[in-house]
Amino acid sequence: HPDRAAALTNLADALVIHPHIEESDNTINAPISLYHEALELRQSGKPDRSLAQLKLGFALLYRFQLRKNPADLMEGQDLLNRAKRVCAD
């Protein structure tokens, strides 16, 4: 479906609020998974790809705060840096 990436992002946006309410680090996994899938569907050079990178990056950094997994920190920072480079161009 052509709007699948947008639908996944919207669902992830709604779910990403849940961990803040529940105070549970397990509930952040669902939106991260959806953001990953949405990002894969957004091709390089598309204007909304950098927004998807930002949202996934912030979600990963939030999970890093909860779990202290360095992989989340590294991936989150990488995504934010990629999005920043696109916006700077």
N, C-alpha and C. Protein backbone atom coordinates (compact mmCIF):
# COMPACT_ATOMS: atom_id res chain seq x y z
N HIS A 1 0.85 -1.18 0.00
CA HIS A 1 0.00 0.00 0.00
C HIS A 1 0.89 1.24 0.00
N PRO A 2 0.59 2.23 -0.82
CA PRO A 2 1.47 3.40 -0.92
C PRO A 2 1.56 4.25 0.35
N ASP A 3 0.59 4.18 1.22
CA ASP A 3 0.60 4.97 2.45
C ASP A 3 0.99 4.15 3.67
N ARG A 4 1.55 2.98 3.46
CA ARG A 4 1.90 2.10 4.58
C ARG A 4 2.92 2.74 5.52
N ALA A 5 3.94 3.39 4.96
CA ALA A 5 4.95 4.03 5.81
C ALA A 5 4.32 5.10 6.69
N ALA A 6 3.42 5.89 6.14
CA ALA A 6 2.75 6.93 6.93
C ALA A 6 1.87 6.31 8.01
N ALA A 7 1.16 5.25 7.66
CA ALA A 7 0.29 4.59 8.64
C ALA A 7 1.11 3.99 9.78
N LEU A 8 2.23 3.35 9.46
CA LEU A 8 3.10 2.78 10.50
C LEU A 8 3.66 3.87 11.40
N THR A 9 4.05 4.99 10.79
CA THR A 9 4.58 6.10 11.58
C THR A 9 3.52 6.67 12.51
N ASN A 10 2.31 6.83 12.01
CA ASN A 10 1.22 7.35 12.86
C ASN A 10 0.94 6.41 14.03
N LEU A 11 0.93 5.11 13.77
CA LEU A 11 0.71 4.15 14.84
C LEU A 11 1.85 4.20 15.86
N ALA A 12 3.07 4.28 15.36
CA ALA A 12 4.23 4.37 16.26
C ALA A 12 4.17 5.64 17.09
N ASP A 13 3.75 6.75 16.47
CA ASP A 13 3.62 8.01 17.22
C ASP A 13 2.66 7.85 18.39
N ALA A 14 1.57 7.15 18.15
CA ALA A 14 0.59 6.94 19.22
C ALA A 14 1.15 6.03 20.30
N LEU A 15 1.86 4.99 19.90
CA LEU A 15 2.39 4.02 20.87
C LEU A 15 3.58 4.56 21.66
N VAL A 16 4.33 5.49 21.08
CA VAL A 16 5.53 5.98 21.76
C VAL A 16 5.17 6.76 23.02
N ILE A 17 3.97 7.25 23.10
CA ILE A 17 3.51 7.97 24.30
C ILE A 17 3.28 6.99 25.45
N HIS A 18 2.90 5.77 25.14
CA HIS A 18 2.54 4.77 26.14
C HIS A 18 3.64 4.51 27.18
N PRO A 19 4.92 4.36 26.77
CA PRO A 19 5.95 4.11 27.79
C PRO A 19 6.07 5.25 28.81
N HIS A 20 5.79 6.46 28.38
CA HIS A 20 5.86 7.60 29.30
C HIS A 20 4.75 7.52 30.35
N ILE A 21 3.64 6.94 29.95
CA ILE A 21 2.51 6.79 30.87
C ILE A 21 2.72 5.59 31.78
N GLU A 22 3.14 4.47 31.18
CA GLU A 22 3.30 3.21 31.91
C GLU A 22 4.59 3.11 32.72
N GLU A 23 5.59 3.92 32.36
CA GLU A 23 6.90 3.84 33.01
C GLU A 23 7.51 2.44 32.82
N SER A 24 7.27 1.87 31.64
CA SER A 24 7.78 0.53 31.35
C SER A 24 8.68 0.58 30.12
N ASP A 25 9.85 -0.01 30.23
CA ASP A 25 10.75 0.02 29.08
C ASP A 25 10.36 -1.00 28.01
N ASN A 26 9.55 -1.99 28.33
CA ASN A 26 9.14 -2.98 27.33
C ASN A 26 8.18 -2.40 26.31
N THR A 27 7.40 -1.40 26.69
CA THR A 27 6.41 -0.85 25.77
C THR A 27 7.03 0.04 24.70
N ILE A 28 8.28 0.41 24.81
CA ILE A 28 8.93 1.23 23.79
C ILE A 28 9.34 0.38 22.59
N ASN A 29 9.39 -0.93 22.73
CA ASN A 29 9.82 -1.80 21.64
C ASN A 29 8.87 -1.77 20.44
N ALA A 30 7.58 -1.72 20.68
CA ALA A 30 6.61 -1.73 19.58
C ALA A 30 6.76 -0.51 18.68
N PRO A 31 6.79 0.72 19.23
CA PRO A 31 6.97 1.86 18.33
C PRO A 31 8.32 1.85 17.62
N ILE A 32 9.36 1.38 18.28
CA ILE A 32 10.67 1.32 17.64
C ILE A 32 10.62 0.38 16.44
N SER A 33 9.99 -0.75 16.62
CA SER A 33 9.84 -1.70 15.51
C SER A 33 9.05 -1.09 14.35
N LEU A 34 7.98 -0.38 14.66
CA LEU A 34 7.17 0.27 13.62
C LEU A 34 7.96 1.38 12.93
N TYR A 35 8.70 2.17 13.70
CA TYR A 35 9.52 3.22 13.09
C TYR A 35 10.58 2.61 12.16
N HIS A 36 11.19 1.48 12.58
CA HIS A 36 12.17 0.80 11.73
C HIS A 36 11.53 0.39 10.40
N GLU A 37 10.35 -0.23 10.49
CA GLU A 37 9.67 -0.68 9.28
C GLU A 37 9.29 0.50 8.38
N ALA A 38 8.79 1.56 8.99
CA ALA A 38 8.42 2.75 8.20
C ALA A 38 9.64 3.35 7.53
N LEU A 39 10.76 3.39 8.22
CA LEU A 39 11.98 3.95 7.65
C LEU A 39 12.45 3.12 6.46
N GLU A 40 12.35 1.80 6.56
CA GLU A 40 12.73 0.93 5.45
C GLU A 40 11.88 1.19 4.21
N LEU A 41 10.62 1.58 4.41
CA LEU A 41 9.72 1.85 3.30
C LEU A 41 9.94 3.23 2.67
N ARG A 42 10.59 4.10 3.39
CA ARG A 42 10.85 5.45 2.87
C ARG A 42 12.21 5.46 2.19
N GLN A 43 12.20 5.67 0.90
CA GLN A 43 13.42 5.61 0.11
C GLN A 43 14.31 6.82 0.35
N SER A 44 15.58 6.60 0.11
CA SER A 44 16.55 7.68 0.25
C SER A 44 16.19 8.81 -0.71
N GLY A 45 16.35 10.03 -0.24
CA GLY A 45 16.03 11.18 -1.06
C GLY A 45 14.61 11.68 -0.93
N LYS A 46 13.74 10.90 -0.31
CA LYS A 46 12.36 11.35 -0.09
C LYS A 46 12.34 12.34 1.06
N PRO A 47 11.53 13.39 0.97
CA PRO A 47 11.55 14.43 2.01
C PRO A 47 11.14 13.96 3.40
N ASP A 48 10.31 12.93 3.49
CA ASP A 48 9.86 12.49 4.82
C ASP A 48 10.79 11.46 5.46
N ARG A 49 11.86 11.06 4.75
CA ARG A 49 12.79 10.09 5.31
C ARG A 49 13.52 10.67 6.53
N SER A 50 13.92 11.94 6.46
CA SER A 50 14.64 12.53 7.59
C SER A 50 13.75 12.62 8.83
N LEU A 51 12.46 12.87 8.65
CA LEU A 51 11.55 12.89 9.79
C LEU A 51 11.45 11.50 10.42
N ALA A 52 11.40 10.47 9.58
CA ALA A 52 11.37 9.10 10.10
C ALA A 52 12.65 8.78 10.86
N GLN A 53 13.78 9.27 10.36
CA GLN A 53 15.05 9.05 11.05
C GLN A 53 15.05 9.75 12.41
N LEU A 54 14.52 10.96 12.45
CA LEU A 54 14.44 11.69 13.72
C LEU A 54 13.59 10.96 14.74
N LYS A 55 12.41 10.52 14.33
CA LYS A 55 11.49 9.85 15.26
C LYS A 55 12.09 8.55 15.79
N LEU A 56 12.68 7.76 14.90
CA LEU A 56 13.31 6.52 15.34
C LEU A 56 14.50 6.83 16.24
N GLY A 57 15.29 7.82 15.88
CA GLY A 57 16.44 8.20 16.69
C GLY A 57 16.05 8.61 18.10
N PHE A 58 15.02 9.44 18.21
CA PHE A 58 14.57 9.86 19.54
C PHE A 58 14.02 8.69 20.35
N ALA A 59 13.29 7.79 19.70
CA ALA A 59 12.76 6.62 20.41
C ALA A 59 13.89 5.73 20.92
N LEU A 60 14.92 5.55 20.10
CA LEU A 60 16.07 4.75 20.54
C LEU A 60 16.82 5.41 21.69
N LEU A 61 16.95 6.73 21.64
CA LEU A 61 17.62 7.42 22.75
C LEU A 61 16.80 7.34 24.03
N TYR A 62 15.48 7.36 23.89
CA TYR A 62 14.62 7.18 25.07
C TYR A 62 14.83 5.78 25.66
N ARG A 63 14.88 4.76 24.77
CA ARG A 63 15.10 3.40 25.28
C ARG A 63 16.49 3.28 25.90
N PHE A 64 17.46 4.00 25.36
CA PHE A 64 18.79 3.98 25.97
C PHE A 64 18.74 4.50 27.40
N GLN A 65 17.96 5.57 27.62
CA GLN A 65 17.82 6.11 28.98
C GLN A 65 17.26 5.07 29.93
N LEU A 66 16.39 4.21 29.43
CA LEU A 66 15.77 3.19 30.28
C LEU A 66 16.67 1.98 30.50
N ARG A 67 17.33 1.51 29.44
CA ARG A 67 18.06 0.24 29.50
C ARG A 67 19.58 0.38 29.52
N LYS A 68 20.06 1.54 29.13
CA LYS A 68 21.51 1.77 29.08
C LYS A 68 22.23 0.84 28.10
N ASN A 69 21.57 0.48 27.00
CA ASN A 69 22.17 -0.36 25.97
C ASN A 69 22.92 0.55 25.00
N PRO A 70 24.25 0.43 24.92
CA PRO A 70 25.03 1.31 24.05
C PRO A 70 24.62 1.22 22.56
N ALA A 71 24.10 0.09 22.12
CA ALA A 71 23.67 -0.05 20.73
C ALA A 71 22.53 0.93 20.41
N ASP A 72 21.61 1.13 21.36
CA ASP A 72 20.53 2.09 21.16
C ASP A 72 21.08 3.50 21.05
N LEU A 73 22.04 3.83 21.89
CA LEU A 73 22.66 5.16 21.86
C LEU A 73 23.36 5.39 20.52
N MET A 74 24.13 4.42 20.08
CA MET A 74 24.88 4.57 18.84
C MET A 74 23.95 4.69 17.64
N GLU A 75 22.95 3.84 17.55
CA GLU A 75 22.02 3.90 16.42
C GLU A 75 21.20 5.18 16.46
N GLY A 76 20.74 5.56 17.65
CA GLY A 76 19.97 6.79 17.78
C GLY A 76 20.75 8.01 17.35
N GLN A 77 22.00 8.11 17.80
CA GLN A 77 22.85 9.24 17.41
C GLN A 77 23.14 9.23 15.92
N ASP A 78 23.36 8.05 15.36
CA ASP A 78 23.63 7.94 13.93
C ASP A 78 22.43 8.43 13.12
N LEU A 79 21.24 8.02 13.51
CA LEU A 79 20.03 8.45 12.80
C LEU A 79 19.82 9.96 12.90
N LEU A 80 20.05 10.52 14.08
CA LEU A 80 19.89 11.96 14.25
C LEU A 80 20.93 12.73 13.43
N ASN A 81 22.14 12.21 13.36
CA ASN A 81 23.18 12.86 12.55
C ASN A 81 22.85 12.80 11.07
N ARG A 82 22.32 11.66 10.61
CA ARG A 82 21.93 11.54 9.19
C ARG A 82 20.82 12.53 8.86
N ALA A 83 19.84 12.61 9.74
CA ALA A 83 18.72 13.54 9.51
C ALA A 83 19.22 14.99 9.51
N LYS A 84 20.15 15.29 10.39
CA LYS A 84 20.71 16.64 10.47
C LYS A 84 21.44 17.01 9.18
N ARG A 85 22.21 16.06 8.63
CA ARG A 85 22.93 16.32 7.38
C ARG A 85 21.96 16.63 6.24
N VAL A 86 20.86 15.90 6.17
CA VAL A 86 19.87 16.12 5.12
C VAL A 86 19.24 17.49 5.27
N CYS A 87 18.93 17.87 6.50
CA CYS A 87 18.30 19.17 6.74
C CYS A 87 19.25 20.33 6.50
N ALA A 88 20.54 20.09 6.65
CA ALA A 88 21.54 21.14 6.45
C ALA A 88 21.78 21.42 4.97
N ASP A 89 21.49 20.43 4.12
CA ASP A 89 21.72 20.61 2.67
C ASP A 89 20.76 21.55 2.03
